[in-house]
Amino acid sequence: MSKLIEDFKALRNICTDIRSNYNTYLYLGLEETSVLLSKVAPAFFAELSEILRRDWLLQVCKLMDVSSTRRKEGILENISINLIVDGLDARGLCTENIRNTAFRLGAYGKKLNVARDKLLAHNDRSHYFLGRPLGDTSEEELNQFIFDLQFFCDSVGTALGEGPLDFSVSACKGDVVDFVLFLRKAVSLGI
């Protein structure tokens, strides 16, 4: 059981980082923030936004990886939702809620995975030259994913005796909010 708990804590840390990065990206995309960033350094912040978006997509896709991969050196485990569900199944701890939530998370990940496979992890020539966005989802699907990510972690944490952990808020000293406040003050002072 200690390996499963260790794996779960690692996954929950990854989910916390994904949520924190999402919160940063969301805050940078607010209209009043975007206007400010466009006044300061539009090209830089457009590039930064694209980097954050690509990394977020890749990190979310990795959550949906299979639980293990066979390589020459043996079987390598992936810290993923599937690894946790398999571990819960082996111990008779996987509830219907956990399984259904894992399924919804996986369905969302499949929509993004085409972007991972064709443009993020590899530069597939035919998709590169098509120039079409891959892995698009609706705002509703994104909101459901964010909710499901928290619900999955809380449900598994409860099943393993670790309890829930709210990682929806990621504010801390020196975060994106402080940075934007600094920029706003600097712009208002004409610096």
Protein backbone atom coordinates (compact mmCIF):
# COMPACT_ATOMS: atom_id res chain seq x y z
CA MET A 1 0.00 0.00 0.00
CA SER A 2 2.86 2.41 0.71
CA LYS A 3 3.93 2.34 -2.99
CA LEU A 4 0.38 3.23 -4.07
CA ILE A 5 0.25 6.09 -1.56
CA GLU A 6 3.66 7.31 -2.73
CA ASP A 7 2.51 7.12 -6.38
CA PHE A 8 -0.73 8.92 -5.53
CA LYS A 9 1.09 11.72 -3.69
CA ALA A 10 3.35 12.16 -6.72
CA LEU A 11 0.33 12.30 -9.03
CA ARG A 12 -1.44 14.78 -6.76
CA ASN A 13 1.68 16.99 -6.78
CA ILE A 14 1.64 16.88 -10.58
CA CYS A 15 -2.08 17.76 -10.59
CA THR A 16 -1.39 20.64 -8.20
CA ASP A 17 1.27 21.98 -10.57
CA ILE A 18 -1.07 21.61 -13.54
CA ARG A 19 -3.79 23.53 -11.69
CA SER A 20 -1.33 26.22 -10.59
CA ASN A 21 -0.11 26.65 -14.18
CA TYR A 22 -3.73 26.80 -15.36
CA ASN A 23 -4.46 29.52 -12.79
CA THR A 24 -1.44 31.52 -13.97
CA TYR A 25 -2.43 31.16 -17.61
CA LEU A 26 -6.02 32.13 -16.79
CA TYR A 27 -4.93 35.22 -14.86
CA LEU A 28 -2.60 36.34 -17.64
CA GLY A 29 -5.49 35.99 -20.08
CA LEU A 30 -7.89 38.26 -18.21
CA GLU A 31 -8.84 41.19 -20.43
CA GLU A 32 -7.48 43.92 -18.14
CA THR A 33 -4.26 41.92 -17.61
CA SER A 34 -3.88 41.33 -21.36
CA VAL A 35 -4.23 45.06 -22.04
CA LEU A 36 -1.52 45.82 -19.48
CA LEU A 37 0.82 43.12 -20.80
CA SER A 38 0.31 44.42 -24.35
CA LYS A 39 1.46 47.86 -23.20
CA VAL A 40 4.59 46.45 -21.55
CA ALA A 41 5.89 43.76 -23.93
CA PRO A 42 3.32 42.33 -26.35
CA ALA A 43 5.64 39.96 -28.24
CA PHE A 44 7.19 38.58 -25.05
CA PHE A 45 3.86 37.90 -23.37
CA ALA A 46 2.38 36.35 -26.54
CA GLU A 47 5.34 33.98 -26.67
CA LEU A 48 5.09 33.24 -22.95
CA SER A 49 1.38 32.51 -23.30
CA GLU A 50 2.06 30.04 -26.12
CA ILE A 51 4.81 28.33 -24.10
CA LEU A 52 2.49 28.00 -21.10
CA ARG A 53 -0.32 26.64 -23.26
CA ARG A 54 1.87 24.02 -24.94
CA ASP A 55 3.39 22.88 -21.66
CA TRP A 56 -0.01 22.69 -19.98
CA LEU A 57 -1.36 20.52 -22.82
CA LEU A 58 1.65 18.21 -22.60
CA GLN A 59 1.41 17.87 -18.82
CA VAL A 60 -2.31 17.09 -18.99
CA CYS A 61 -1.70 14.45 -21.67
CA LYS A 62 0.96 12.78 -19.53
CA LEU A 63 -1.67 12.29 -16.81
CA MET A 64 -3.49 9.98 -19.21
CA ASP A 65 -0.49 7.78 -20.03
CA VAL A 66 -0.79 4.03 -19.68
CA SER A 67 0.28 2.74 -16.28
CA SER A 68 3.41 1.07 -17.64
CA THR A 69 5.51 0.89 -20.77
CA ARG A 70 7.69 -2.05 -21.82
CA ARG A 71 11.23 -1.06 -22.82
CA LYS A 72 14.50 -2.97 -23.36
CA GLU A 73 15.47 -2.28 -19.77
CA GLY A 74 12.16 -3.68 -18.50
CA ILE A 75 8.79 -2.28 -17.54
CA LEU A 76 8.73 1.41 -16.72
CA GLU A 77 5.81 2.78 -14.72
CA ASN A 78 4.24 6.11 -15.60
CA ILE A 79 2.86 8.29 -12.85
CA SER A 80 -0.59 8.61 -14.33
CA ILE A 81 -4.25 8.29 -13.54
CA ASN A 82 -4.17 4.77 -14.99
CA LEU A 83 -1.37 3.75 -12.59
CA ILE A 84 -3.45 4.91 -9.64
CA VAL A 85 -6.67 3.27 -10.87
CA ASP A 86 -4.79 -0.01 -11.48
CA GLY A 87 -3.35 0.16 -7.96
CA LEU A 88 -6.76 0.85 -6.46
CA ASP A 89 -8.29 -2.00 -8.48
CA ALA A 90 -5.64 -4.42 -7.24
CA ARG A 91 -6.60 -3.57 -3.66
CA GLY A 92 -10.36 -3.45 -4.19
CA LEU A 93 -10.44 0.29 -3.43
CA CYS A 94 -11.57 1.69 -6.78
CA THR A 95 -15.07 3.08 -6.41
CA GLU A 96 -17.51 3.72 -9.22
CA ASN A 97 -17.05 7.49 -8.71
CA ILE A 98 -13.28 7.18 -9.06
CA ARG A 99 -13.62 4.98 -12.14
CA ASN A 100 -16.17 7.31 -13.80
CA THR A 101 -14.08 10.38 -13.05
CA ALA A 102 -10.95 8.68 -14.41
CA PHE A 103 -12.91 7.82 -17.55
CA ARG A 104 -14.00 11.47 -18.05
CA LEU A 105 -10.44 12.68 -17.46
CA GLY A 106 -9.19 10.15 -20.00
CA ALA A 107 -11.81 11.23 -22.56
CA TYR A 108 -10.67 14.84 -22.19
CA GLY A 109 -7.05 13.76 -22.50
CA LYS A 110 -7.80 11.87 -25.73
CA LYS A 111 -9.02 15.11 -27.29
CA LEU A 112 -5.71 16.79 -26.41
CA ASN A 113 -3.56 13.80 -27.25
CA VAL A 114 -3.68 14.44 -30.99
CA ALA A 115 -1.87 17.75 -30.35
CA ARG A 116 0.68 15.94 -28.17
CA ASP A 117 1.33 13.20 -30.70
CA LYS A 118 1.38 15.37 -33.82
CA LEU A 119 2.89 18.69 -32.70
CA LEU A 120 4.03 18.79 -29.05
CA ALA A 121 6.01 15.58 -28.58
CA HIS A 122 6.80 15.20 -32.29
CA ASN A 123 6.81 17.50 -35.30
CA ASP A 124 4.58 15.48 -37.60
CA ARG A 125 5.30 16.97 -41.01
CA SER A 126 1.80 16.74 -42.50
CA HIS A 127 0.13 18.31 -39.46
CA TYR A 128 2.83 20.95 -39.14
CA PHE A 129 2.19 22.23 -42.66
CA LEU A 130 -1.59 22.06 -42.32
CA GLY A 131 -1.31 24.79 -39.70
CA ARG A 132 -4.60 23.87 -38.03
CA PRO A 133 -4.98 23.84 -34.27
CA LEU A 134 -5.11 20.38 -32.74
CA GLY A 135 -6.58 19.32 -29.44
CA ASP A 136 -9.20 22.04 -29.13
CA THR A 137 -11.86 21.65 -26.47
CA SER A 138 -14.74 23.79 -25.34
CA GLU A 139 -14.68 26.00 -22.25
CA GLU A 140 -17.30 23.71 -20.72
CA GLU A 141 -15.08 20.66 -21.29
CA LEU A 142 -12.11 22.47 -19.77
CA ASN A 143 -14.12 23.48 -16.70
CA GLN A 144 -15.34 19.89 -16.28
CA PHE A 145 -11.74 18.64 -16.55
CA ILE A 146 -10.58 21.07 -13.84
CA PHE A 147 -13.46 19.97 -11.60
CA ASP A 148 -12.82 16.27 -12.30
CA LEU A 149 -9.10 16.61 -11.59
CA GLN A 150 -9.83 17.94 -8.11
CA PHE A 151 -12.61 15.40 -7.52
CA PHE A 152 -10.41 12.48 -8.63
CA CYS A 153 -7.56 13.49 -6.32
CA ASP A 154 -9.91 14.07 -3.39
CA SER A 155 -11.71 10.76 -3.93
CA VAL A 156 -8.49 8.77 -4.22
CA GLY A 157 -6.99 10.61 -1.25
CA THR A 158 -10.03 9.66 0.81
CA ALA A 159 -9.92 6.01 -0.37
CA LEU A 160 -6.25 5.78 0.62
CA GLY A 161 -6.70 7.49 3.99
CA GLU A 162 -4.76 10.56 2.89
CA GLY A 163 -7.82 12.82 2.76
CA PRO A 164 -8.68 15.56 0.29
CA LEU A 165 -6.41 18.48 -0.57
CA ASP A 166 -7.85 21.61 -2.17
CA PHE A 167 -5.36 22.80 -4.80
CA SER A 168 -7.76 25.08 -6.66
CA VAL A 169 -6.11 28.27 -5.35
CA SER A 170 -2.42 28.74 -5.95
CA ALA A 171 -1.80 32.29 -4.75
CA CYS A 172 1.44 32.91 -2.91
CA LYS A 173 3.97 35.69 -2.37
CA GLY A 174 5.69 36.53 -5.63
CA ASP A 175 3.07 34.92 -7.88
CA VAL A 176 1.53 36.19 -11.11
CA VAL A 177 -0.84 38.49 -9.21
CA ASP A 178 2.08 40.24 -7.52
CA PHE A 179 3.88 40.49 -10.86
CA VAL A 180 0.89 42.07 -12.60
CA LEU A 181 0.39 44.50 -9.68
CA PHE A 182 4.05 45.52 -10.01
CA LEU A 183 3.67 46.06 -13.77
CA ARG A 184 0.46 48.03 -13.27
CA LYS A 185 2.21 50.31 -10.75
CA ALA A 186 5.26 50.73 -13.00
CA VAL A 187 3.08 51.64 -16.01
CA SER A 188 1.06 54.12 -13.97
CA LEU A 189 4.30 55.77 -12.81
CA GLY A 190 5.61 55.89 -16.39
CA ILE A 191 8.56 53.61 -15.67
